[in-house]
Amino acid sequence: MDIRIPKQFKIFGQTYKIKLDKKLTAKDDHIGQTQSRFNLIIIQPNCEGVPRKQSQIEQVYLHEVVHVVFGQLSEYALRDNEALVDRVASAFHQILTTSKY
């Protein structure tokens, strides 16, 4: 089951927008980034020259969402712990993609 990447979501009254940027990797050498001061998540989608599987895009999206959650909880040390953020995002990805309804 694929995870649909939304255009935006709300957390604690803040609206975060999600933007796909085909040139993100070329510009910033990132596949995803969170710009908290702009309430923005940017993700490198699948495109020519930067092939990405849907599962990779989903994982990056959830990784950035975990950064947002920890930031909104004022847990800045957790927000900046890339290994923890990635493990939590991976756990959520597995739960969401293997859930049976």
PDB file of N, CA and C in Angstrom:
ATOM      1  N   MET A   1       0.847  -1.176   0.000  1.00  0.00           N
ATOM      2  CA  MET A   1       0.000   0.000   0.000  1.00  0.00           C
ATOM      3  C   MET A   1       0.897   1.244   0.000  1.00  0.00           C
ATOM      4  N   ASP A   2       0.632   2.142  -0.920  1.00  0.00           N
ATOM      5  CA  ASP A   2       1.378   3.395  -0.970  1.00  0.00           C
ATOM      6  C   ASP A   2       0.785   4.417  -0.006  1.00  0.00           C
ATOM      7  N   ILE A   3       1.645   5.285   0.475  1.00  0.00           N
ATOM      8  CA  ILE A   3       1.212   6.401   1.315  1.00  0.00           C
ATOM      9  C   ILE A   3       1.015   7.606   0.404  1.00  0.00           C
ATOM     10  N   ARG A   4      -0.120   8.223   0.498  1.00  0.00           N
ATOM     11  CA  ARG A   4      -0.361   9.435  -0.279  1.00  0.00           C
ATOM     12  C   ARG A   4       0.324  10.603   0.420  1.00  0.00           C
ATOM     13  N   ILE A   5       1.112  11.357  -0.336  1.00  0.00           N
ATOM     14  CA  ILE A   5       1.786  12.531   0.205  1.00  0.00           C
ATOM     15  C   ILE A   5       0.818  13.701   0.087  1.00  0.00           C
ATOM     16  N   PRO A   6       0.443  14.307   1.216  1.00  0.00           N
ATOM     17  CA  PRO A   6      -0.526  15.406   1.146  1.00  0.00           C
ATOM     18  C   PRO A   6       0.112  16.698   0.645  1.00  0.00           C
ATOM     19  N   LYS A   7      -0.732  17.653   0.322  1.00  0.00           N
ATOM     20  CA  LYS A   7      -0.252  18.988  -0.060  1.00  0.00           C
ATOM     21  C   LYS A   7       0.013  19.825   1.185  1.00  0.00           C
ATOM     22  N   GLN A   8      -0.684  19.475   2.281  1.00  0.00           N
ATOM     23  CA  GLN A   8      -0.482  20.175   3.548  1.00  0.00           C
ATOM     24  C   GLN A   8      -1.097  19.369   4.675  1.00  0.00           C
ATOM     25  N   PHE A   9      -0.703  19.700   5.902  1.00  0.00           N
ATOM     26  CA  PHE A   9      -1.308  19.123   7.101  1.00  0.00           C
ATOM     27  C   PHE A   9      -1.198  20.153   8.218  1.00  0.00           C
ATOM     28  N   LYS A  10      -1.956  19.923   9.291  1.00  0.00           N
ATOM     29  CA  LYS A  10      -1.904  20.818  10.453  1.00  0.00           C
ATOM     30  C   LYS A  10      -1.393  20.056  11.660  1.00  0.00           C
ATOM     31  N   ILE A  11      -0.609  20.762  12.465  1.00  0.00           N
ATOM     32  CA  ILE A  11      -0.135  20.230  13.734  1.00  0.00           C
ATOM     33  C   ILE A  11      -0.107  21.393  14.725  1.00  0.00           C
ATOM     34  N   PHE A  12      -0.776  21.220  15.850  1.00  0.00           N
ATOM     35  CA  PHE A  12      -0.851  22.248  16.892  1.00  0.00           C
ATOM     36  C   PHE A  12      -1.220  23.616  16.326  1.00  0.00           C
ATOM     37  N   GLY A  13      -2.170  23.633  15.411  1.00  0.00           N
ATOM     38  CA  GLY A  13      -2.663  24.886  14.849  1.00  0.00           C
ATOM     39  C   GLY A  13      -1.793  25.473  13.752  1.00  0.00           C
ATOM     40  N   GLN A  14      -0.668  24.834  13.456  1.00  0.00           N
ATOM     41  CA  GLN A  14       0.231  25.310  12.400  1.00  0.00           C
ATOM     42  C   GLN A  14      -0.023  24.495  11.129  1.00  0.00           C
ATOM     43  N   THR A  15      -0.141  25.171  10.005  1.00  0.00           N
ATOM     44  CA  THR A  15      -0.295  24.488   8.724  1.00  0.00           C
ATOM     45  C   THR A  15       1.070  24.363   8.060  1.00  0.00           C
ATOM     46  N   TYR A  16       1.447  23.138   7.763  1.00  0.00           N
ATOM     47  CA  TYR A  16       2.684  22.865   7.025  1.00  0.00           C
ATOM     48  C   TYR A  16       2.317  22.477   5.603  1.00  0.00           C
ATOM     49  N   LYS A  17       2.990  23.070   4.645  1.00  0.00           N
ATOM     50  CA  LYS A  17       2.786  22.740   3.241  1.00  0.00           C
ATOM     51  C   LYS A  17       3.906  21.819   2.780  1.00  0.00           C
ATOM     52  N   ILE A  18       3.564  20.951   1.824  1.00  0.00           N
ATOM     53  CA  ILE A  18       4.538  20.034   1.257  1.00  0.00           C
ATOM     54  C   ILE A  18       4.733  20.419  -0.202  1.00  0.00           C
ATOM     55  N   LYS A  19       5.980  20.603  -0.571  1.00  0.00           N
ATOM     56  CA  LYS A  19       6.327  21.008  -1.925  1.00  0.00           C
ATOM     57  C   LYS A  19       7.266  19.968  -2.519  1.00  0.00           C
ATOM     58  N   LEU A  20       7.007  19.579  -3.761  1.00  0.00           N
ATOM     59  CA  LEU A  20       7.915  18.710  -4.489  1.00  0.00           C
ATOM     60  C   LEU A  20       8.812  19.598  -5.341  1.00  0.00           C
ATOM     61  N   ASP A  21      10.105  19.390  -5.237  1.00  0.00           N
ATOM     62  CA  ASP A  21      11.065  20.208  -5.976  1.00  0.00           C
ATOM     63  C   ASP A  21      12.022  19.286  -6.729  1.00  0.00           C
ATOM     64  N   LYS A  22      11.865  19.218  -8.049  1.00  0.00           N
ATOM     65  CA  LYS A  22      12.677  18.329  -8.876  1.00  0.00           C
ATOM     66  C   LYS A  22      14.158  18.681  -8.856  1.00  0.00           C
ATOM     67  N   LYS A  23      14.499  19.883  -8.408  1.00  0.00           N
ATOM     68  CA  LYS A  23      15.895  20.311  -8.409  1.00  0.00           C
ATOM     69  C   LYS A  23      16.496  20.384  -7.008  1.00  0.00           C
ATOM     70  N   LEU A  24      15.791  19.869  -6.007  1.00  0.00           N
ATOM     71  CA  LEU A  24      16.269  19.957  -4.630  1.00  0.00           C
ATOM     72  C   LEU A  24      17.648  19.321  -4.467  1.00  0.00           C
ATOM     73  N   THR A  25      17.825  18.124  -4.986  1.00  0.00           N
ATOM     74  CA  THR A  25      19.106  17.431  -4.838  1.00  0.00           C
ATOM     75  C   THR A  25      20.222  18.210  -5.515  1.00  0.00           C
ATOM     76  N   ALA A  26      19.957  18.744  -6.687  1.00  0.00           N
ATOM     77  CA  ALA A  26      20.978  19.505  -7.417  1.00  0.00           C
ATOM     78  C   ALA A  26      21.314  20.811  -6.702  1.00  0.00           C
ATOM     79  N   LYS A  27      20.298  21.461  -6.105  1.00  0.00           N
ATOM     80  CA  LYS A  27      20.519  22.753  -5.439  1.00  0.00           C
ATOM     81  C   LYS A  27      21.178  22.600  -4.082  1.00  0.00           C
ATOM     82  N   ASP A  28      20.647  21.694  -3.260  1.00  0.00           N
ATOM     83  CA  ASP A  28      21.058  21.613  -1.856  1.00  0.00           C
ATOM     84  C   ASP A  28      21.644  20.273  -1.440  1.00  0.00           C
ATOM     85  N   ASP A  29      21.770  19.340  -2.388  1.00  0.00           N
ATOM     86  CA  ASP A  29      22.271  18.002  -2.091  1.00  0.00           C
ATOM     87  C   ASP A  29      21.453  17.320  -1.001  1.00  0.00           C
ATOM     88  N   HIS A  30      20.148  17.571  -1.011  1.00  0.00           N
ATOM     89  CA  HIS A  30      19.211  16.930  -0.078  1.00  0.00           C
ATOM     90  C   HIS A  30      18.144  16.195  -0.872  1.00  0.00           C
ATOM     91  N   ILE A  31      17.558  15.183  -0.255  1.00  0.00           N
ATOM     92  CA  ILE A  31      16.393  14.540  -0.854  1.00  0.00           C
ATOM     93  C   ILE A  31      15.117  14.986  -0.149  1.00  0.00           C
ATOM     94  N   GLY A  32      15.282  15.663   0.973  1.00  0.00           N
ATOM     95  CA  GLY A  32      14.168  16.242   1.706  1.00  0.00           C
ATOM     96  C   GLY A  32      14.690  17.235   2.709  1.00  0.00           C
ATOM     97  N   GLN A  33      13.873  18.228   3.015  1.00  0.00           N
ATOM     98  CA  GLN A  33      14.263  19.186   4.045  1.00  0.00           C
ATOM     99  C   GLN A  33      13.015  19.821   4.639  1.00  0.00           C
ATOM    100  N   THR A  34      13.159  20.227   5.884  1.00  0.00           N
ATOM    101  CA  THR A  34      12.106  20.947   6.581  1.00  0.00           C
ATOM    102  C   THR A  34      12.582  22.371   6.802  1.00  0.00           C
ATOM    103  N   GLN A  35      11.741  23.310   6.427  1.00  0.00           N
ATOM    104  CA  GLN A  35      12.014  24.723   6.693  1.00  0.00           C
ATOM    105  C   GLN A  35      10.962  25.184   7.699  1.00  0.00           C
ATOM    106  N   SER A  36      11.286  25.008   8.973  1.00  0.00           N
ATOM    107  CA  SER A  36      10.320  25.259  10.042  1.00  0.00           C
ATOM    108  C   SER A  36       9.836  26.700  10.080  1.00  0.00           C
ATOM    109  N   ARG A  37      10.711  27.642   9.825  1.00  0.00           N
ATOM    110  CA  ARG A  37      10.288  29.045   9.908  1.00  0.00           C
ATOM    111  C   ARG A  37       9.273  29.402   8.829  1.00  0.00           C
ATOM    112  N   PHE A  38       9.207  28.574   7.755  1.00  0.00           N
ATOM    113  CA  PHE A  38       8.225  28.794   6.686  1.00  0.00           C
ATOM    114  C   PHE A  38       7.105  27.755   6.716  1.00  0.00           C
ATOM    115  N   ASN A  39       7.127  26.866   7.740  1.00  0.00           N
ATOM    116  CA  ASN A  39       6.149  25.768   7.819  1.00  0.00           C
ATOM    117  C   ASN A  39       6.090  25.009   6.493  1.00  0.00           C
ATOM    118  N   LEU A  40       7.247  24.545   6.049  1.00  0.00           N
ATOM    119  CA  LEU A  40       7.377  23.956   4.727  1.00  0.00           C
ATOM    120  C   LEU A  40       8.247  22.708   4.768  1.00  0.00           C
ATOM    121  N   ILE A  41       7.775  21.672   4.079  1.00  0.00           N
ATOM    122  CA  ILE A  41       8.561  20.465   3.829  1.00  0.00           C
ATOM    123  C   ILE A  41       8.771  20.404   2.321  1.00  0.00           C
ATOM    124  N   ILE A  42      10.029  20.185   1.923  1.00  0.00           N
ATOM    125  CA  ILE A  42      10.359  20.076   0.504  1.00  0.00           C
ATOM    126  C   ILE A  42      10.925  18.676   0.269  1.00  0.00           C
ATOM    127  N   ILE A  43      10.442  18.025  -0.786  1.00  0.00           N
ATOM    128  CA  ILE A  43      10.859  16.656  -1.097  1.00  0.00           C
ATOM    129  C   ILE A  43      11.291  16.572  -2.560  1.00  0.00           C
ATOM    130  N   GLN A  44      12.374  15.842  -2.794  1.00  0.00           N
ATOM    131  CA  GLN A  44      12.821  15.541  -4.156  1.00  0.00           C
ATOM    132  C   GLN A  44      11.957  14.393  -4.688  1.00  0.00           C
ATOM    133  N   PRO A  45      11.158  14.628  -5.735  1.00  0.00           N
ATOM    134  CA  PRO A  45      10.327  13.550  -6.277  1.00  0.00           C
ATOM    135  C   PRO A  45      11.127  12.682  -7.249  1.00  0.00           C
ATOM    136  N   ASN A  46      10.483  11.677  -7.766  1.00  0.00           N
ATOM    137  CA  ASN A  46      11.063  10.865  -8.826  1.00  0.00           C
ATOM    138  C   ASN A  46      11.083  11.706 -10.097  1.00  0.00           C
ATOM    139  N   CYS A  47      12.232  11.843 -10.701  1.00  0.00           N
ATOM    140  CA  CYS A  47      12.321  12.583 -11.954  1.00  0.00           C
ATOM    141  C   CYS A  47      13.552  12.131 -12.724  1.00  0.00           C
ATOM    142  N   GLU A  48      13.612  12.517 -13.967  1.00  0.00           N
ATOM    143  CA  GLU A  48      14.743  12.136 -14.810  1.00  0.00           C
ATOM    144  C   GLU A  48      16.049  12.627 -14.196  1.00  0.00           C
ATOM    145  N   GLY A  49      17.008  11.757 -14.134  1.00  0.00           N
ATOM    146  CA  GLY A  49      18.302  12.103 -13.560  1.00  0.00           C
ATOM    147  C   GLY A  49      18.398  11.813 -12.074  1.00  0.00           C
ATOM    148  N   VAL A  50      17.260  11.759 -11.384  1.00  0.00           N
ATOM    149  CA  VAL A  50      17.231  11.441  -9.945  1.00  0.00           C
ATOM    150  C   VAL A  50      16.091  10.435  -9.722  1.00  0.00           C
ATOM    151  N   PRO A  51      16.304   9.178 -10.137  1.00  0.00           N
ATOM    152  CA  PRO A  51      15.232   8.199  -9.979  1.00  0.00           C
ATOM    153  C   PRO A  51      14.968   7.884  -8.508  1.00  0.00           C
ATOM    154  N   ARG A  52      13.699   7.862  -8.141  1.00  0.00           N
ATOM    155  CA  ARG A  52      13.314   7.593  -6.757  1.00  0.00           C
ATOM    156  C   ARG A  52      12.103   6.661  -6.771  1.00  0.00           C
ATOM    157  N   LYS A  53      12.167   5.642  -5.963  1.00  0.00           N
ATOM    158  CA  LYS A  53      11.020   4.752  -5.797  1.00  0.00           C
ATOM    159  C   LYS A  53       9.982   5.451  -4.931  1.00  0.00           C
ATOM    160  N   GLN A  54       8.711   5.086  -5.101  1.00  0.00           N
ATOM    161  CA  GLN A  54       7.644   5.666  -4.288  1.00  0.00           C
ATOM    162  C   GLN A  54       7.910   5.432  -2.808  1.00  0.00           C
ATOM    163  N   SER A  55       8.410   4.258  -2.453  1.00  0.00           N
ATOM    164  CA  SER A  55       8.682   3.967  -1.038  1.00  0.00           C
ATOM    165  C   SER A  55       9.768   4.895  -0.479  1.00  0.00           C
ATOM    166  N   GLN A  56      10.729   5.284  -1.303  1.00  0.00           N
ATOM    167  CA  GLN A  56      11.760   6.212  -0.855  1.00  0.00           C
ATOM    168  C   GLN A  56      11.175   7.605  -0.619  1.00  0.00           C
ATOM    169  N   ILE A  57      10.300   8.032  -1.497  1.00  0.00           N
ATOM    170  CA  ILE A  57       9.659   9.343  -1.348  1.00  0.00           C
ATOM    171  C   ILE A  57       8.810   9.359  -0.078  1.00  0.00           C
ATOM    172  N   GLU A  58       8.072   8.277   0.151  1.00  0.00           N
ATOM    173  CA  GLU A  58       7.259   8.170   1.366  1.00  0.00           C
ATOM    174  C   GLU A  58       8.130   8.232   2.612  1.00  0.00           C
ATOM    175  N   GLN A  59       9.236   7.512   2.591  1.00  0.00           N
ATOM    176  CA  GLN A  59      10.150   7.489   3.738  1.00  0.00           C
ATOM    177  C   GLN A  59      10.695   8.881   4.018  1.00  0.00           C
ATOM    178  N   VAL A  60      11.083   9.603   2.978  1.00  0.00           N
ATOM    179  CA  VAL A  60      11.605  10.963   3.149  1.00  0.00           C
ATOM    180  C   VAL A  60      10.516  11.871   3.721  1.00  0.00           C
ATOM    181  N   TYR A  61       9.300  11.743   3.206  1.00  0.00           N
ATOM    182  CA  TYR A  61       8.189  12.546   3.721  1.00  0.00           C
ATOM    183  C   TYR A  61       8.005  12.300   5.223  1.00  0.00           C
ATOM    184  N   LEU A  62       7.938  11.041   5.620  1.00  0.00           N
ATOM    185  CA  LEU A  62       7.741  10.722   7.042  1.00  0.00           C
ATOM    186  C   LEU A  62       8.927  11.180   7.882  1.00  0.00           C
ATOM    187  N   HIS A  63      10.123  11.083   7.350  1.00  0.00           N
ATOM    188  CA  HIS A  63      11.314  11.573   8.050  1.00  0.00           C
ATOM    189  C   HIS A  63      11.162  13.063   8.356  1.00  0.00           C
ATOM    190  N   GLU A  64      10.740  13.826   7.371  1.00  0.00           N
ATOM    191  CA  GLU A  64      10.566  15.270   7.578  1.00  0.00           C
ATOM    192  C   GLU A  64       9.411  15.559   8.534  1.00  0.00           C
ATOM    193  N   VAL A  65       8.358  14.761   8.487  1.00  0.00           N
ATOM    194  CA  VAL A  65       7.234  14.936   9.418  1.00  0.00           C
ATOM    195  C   VAL A  65       7.696  14.702  10.857  1.00  0.00           C
ATOM    196  N   VAL A  66       8.543  13.707  11.073  1.00  0.00           N
ATOM    197  CA  VAL A  66       9.053  13.451  12.426  1.00  0.00           C
ATOM    198  C   VAL A  66       9.871  14.645  12.915  1.00  0.00           C
ATOM    199  N   HIS A  67      10.669  15.249  12.035  1.00  0.00           N
ATOM    200  CA  HIS A  67      11.381  16.481  12.407  1.00  0.00           C
ATOM    201  C   HIS A  67      10.378  17.538  12.875  1.00  0.00           C
ATOM    202  N   VAL A  68       9.290  17.699  12.136  1.00  0.00           N
ATOM    203  CA  VAL A  68       8.265  18.692  12.484  1.00  0.00           C
ATOM    204  C   VAL A  68       7.650  18.373  13.845  1.00  0.00           C
ATOM    205  N   VAL A  69       7.289  17.112  14.064  1.00  0.00           N
ATOM    206  CA  VAL A  69       6.655  16.719  15.331  1.00  0.00           C
ATOM    207  C   VAL A  69       7.573  17.024  16.508  1.00  0.00           C
ATOM    208  N   PHE A  70       8.816  16.588  16.445  1.00  0.00           N
ATOM    209  CA  PHE A  70       9.738  16.861  17.546  1.00  0.00           C
ATOM    210  C   PHE A  70       9.949  18.363  17.733  1.00  0.00           C
ATOM    211  N   GLY A  71      10.025  19.112  16.650  1.00  0.00           N
ATOM    212  CA  GLY A  71      10.169  20.566  16.746  1.00  0.00           C
ATOM    213  C   GLY A  71       8.961  21.210  17.404  1.00  0.00           C
ATOM    214  N   GLN A  72       7.772  20.774  17.026  1.00  0.00           N
ATOM    215  CA  GLN A  72       6.550  21.327  17.610  1.00  0.00           C
ATOM    216  C   GLN A  72       6.425  20.971  19.088  1.00  0.00           C
ATOM    217  N   LEU A  73       7.031  19.876  19.492  1.00  0.00           N
ATOM    218  CA  LEU A  73       7.041  19.478  20.906  1.00  0.00           C
ATOM    219  C   LEU A  73       8.180  20.151  21.680  1.00  0.00           C
ATOM    220  N   SER A  74       8.930  21.011  21.002  1.00  0.00           N
ATOM    221  CA  SER A  74      10.097  21.695  21.575  1.00  0.00           C
ATOM    222  C   SER A  74      11.161  20.710  22.050  1.00  0.00           C
ATOM    223  N   GLU A  75      11.220  19.569  21.414  1.00  0.00           N
ATOM    224  CA  GLU A  75      12.234  18.549  21.702  1.00  0.00           C
ATOM    225  C   GLU A  75      13.341  18.686  20.658  1.00  0.00           C
ATOM    226  N   TYR A  76      14.119  19.758  20.783  1.00  0.00           N
ATOM    227  CA  TYR A  76      15.084  20.112  19.745  1.00  0.00           C
ATOM    228  C   TYR A  76      16.233  19.124  19.635  1.00  0.00           C
ATOM    229  N   ALA A  77      16.656  18.537  20.734  1.00  0.00           N
ATOM    230  CA  ALA A  77      17.722  17.535  20.667  1.00  0.00           C
ATOM    231  C   ALA A  77      17.233  16.303  19.900  1.00  0.00           C
ATOM    232  N   LEU A  78      15.979  15.919  20.133  1.00  0.00           N
ATOM    233  CA  LEU A  78      15.406  14.793  19.396  1.00  0.00           C
ATOM    234  C   LEU A  78      15.205  15.169  17.929  1.00  0.00           C
ATOM    235  N   ARG A  79      14.733  16.378  17.686  1.00  0.00           N
ATOM    236  CA  ARG A  79      14.510  16.853  16.306  1.00  0.00           C
ATOM    237  C   ARG A  79      15.795  16.795  15.493  1.00  0.00           C
ATOM    238  N   ASP A  80      16.909  17.082  16.124  1.00  0.00           N
ATOM    239  CA  ASP A  80      18.186  17.149  15.414  1.00  0.00           C
ATOM    240  C   ASP A  80      18.944  15.820  15.407  1.00  0.00           C
ATOM    241  N   ASN A  81      18.382  14.800  16.031  1.00  0.00           N
ATOM    242  CA  ASN A  81      19.014  13.478  16.071  1.00  0.00           C
ATOM    243  C   ASN A  81      18.573  12.696  14.822  1.00  0.00           C
ATOM    244  N   GLU A  82      19.381  12.800  13.763  1.00  0.00           N
ATOM    245  CA  GLU A  82      19.010  12.211  12.466  1.00  0.00           C
ATOM    246  C   GLU A  82      18.780  10.704  12.545  1.00  0.00           C
ATOM    247  N   ALA A  83      19.596   9.997  13.313  1.00  0.00           N
ATOM    248  CA  ALA A  83      19.436   8.547  13.413  1.00  0.00           C
ATOM    249  C   ALA A  83      18.094   8.192  14.052  1.00  0.00           C
ATOM    250  N   LEU A  84      17.739   8.877  15.132  1.00  0.00           N
ATOM    251  CA  LEU A  84      16.455   8.626  15.791  1.00  0.00           C
ATOM    252  C   LEU A  84      15.295   8.998  14.872  1.00  0.00           C
ATOM    253  N   VAL A  85      15.374  10.156  14.258  1.00  0.00           N
ATOM    254  CA  VAL A  85      14.312  10.603  13.348  1.00  0.00           C
ATOM    255  C   VAL A  85      14.105   9.566  12.251  1.00  0.00           C
ATOM    256  N   ASP A  86      15.186   9.059  11.688  1.00  0.00           N
ATOM    257  CA  ASP A  86      15.078   8.081  10.611  1.00  0.00           C
ATOM    258  C   ASP A  86      14.465   6.772  11.090  1.00  0.00           C
ATOM    259  N   ARG A  87      14.835   6.333  12.286  1.00  0.00           N
ATOM    260  CA  ARG A  87      14.267   5.083  12.823  1.00  0.00           C
ATOM    261  C   ARG A  87      12.775   5.230  13.114  1.00  0.00           C
ATOM    262  N   VAL A  88      12.371   6.356  13.687  1.00  0.00           N
ATOM    263  CA  VAL A  88      10.949   6.588  13.967  1.00  0.00           C
ATOM    264  C   VAL A  88      10.165   6.653  12.647  1.00  0.00           C
ATOM    265  N   ALA A  89      10.708   7.361  11.662  1.00  0.00           N
ATOM    266  CA  ALA A  89      10.048   7.457  10.360  1.00  0.00           C
ATOM    267  C   ALA A  89       9.928   6.082   9.706  1.00  0.00           C
ATOM    268  N   SER A  90      10.974   5.270   9.811  1.00  0.00           N
ATOM    269  CA  SER A  90      10.940   3.910   9.246  1.00  0.00           C
ATOM    270  C   SER A  90       9.872   3.057   9.930  1.00  0.00           C
ATOM    271  N   ALA A  91       9.750   3.212  11.244  1.00  0.00           N
ATOM    272  CA  ALA A  91       8.726   2.462  11.979  1.00  0.00           C
ATOM    273  C   ALA A  91       7.330   2.869  11.515  1.00  0.00           C
ATOM    274  N   PHE A  92       7.090   4.171  11.409  1.00  0.00           N
ATOM    275  CA  PHE A  92       5.787   4.636  10.926  1.00  0.00           C
ATOM    276  C   PHE A  92       5.533   4.177   9.494  1.00  0.00           C
ATOM    277  N   HIS A  93       6.557   4.207   8.658  1.00  0.00           N
ATOM    278  CA  HIS A  93       6.385   3.775   7.268  1.00  0.00           C
ATOM    279  C   HIS A  93       5.961   2.311   7.213  1.00  0.00           C
ATOM    280  N   GLN A  94       6.618   1.469   8.008  1.00  0.00           N
ATOM    281  CA  GLN A  94       6.256   0.054   8.006  1.00  0.00           C
ATOM    282  C   GLN A  94       4.837  -0.152   8.520  1.00  0.00           C
ATOM    283  N   ILE A  95       4.479   0.542   9.581  1.00  0.00           N
ATOM    284  CA  ILE A  95       3.114   0.413  10.120  1.00  0.00           C
ATOM    285  C   ILE A  95       2.082   0.835   9.078  1.00  0.00           C
ATOM    286  N   LEU A  96       2.302   1.981   8.452  1.00  0.00           N
ATOM    287  CA  LEU A  96       1.326   2.511   7.506  1.00  0.00           C
ATOM    288  C   LEU A  96       1.216   1.686   6.234  1.00  0.00           C
ATOM    289  N   THR A  97       2.331   1.125   5.758  1.00  0.00           N
ATOM    290  CA  THR A  97       2.294   0.383   4.496  1.00  0.00           C
ATOM    291  C   THR A  97       1.921  -1.092   4.667  1.00  0.00           C
ATOM    292  N   THR A  98       1.904  -1.570   5.911  1.00  0.00           N
ATOM    293  CA  THR A  98       1.546  -2.996   6.110  1.00  0.00           C
ATOM    294  C   THR A  98       0.227  -3.165   6.863  1.00  0.00           C
ATOM    295  N   SER A  99      -0.436  -2.081   7.195  1.00  0.00           N
ATOM    296  CA  SER A  99      -1.703  -2.172   7.925  1.00  0.00           C
ATOM    297  C   SER A  99      -2.772  -2.846   7.061  1.00  0.00           C
ATOM    298  N   LYS A 100      -3.545  -3.705   7.686  1.00  0.00           N
ATOM    299  CA  LYS A 100      -4.651  -4.418   7.007  1.00  0.00           C
ATOM    300  C   LYS A 100      -5.966  -3.815   7.484  1.00  0.00           C
ATOM    301  N   TYR A 101      -6.842  -3.539   6.540  1.00  0.00           N
ATOM    302  CA  TYR A 101      -8.151  -2.943   6.873  1.00  0.00           C
ATOM    303  C   TYR A 101      -9.264  -3.862   6.434  1.00  0.00           C
TER     304      TYR A 101
END
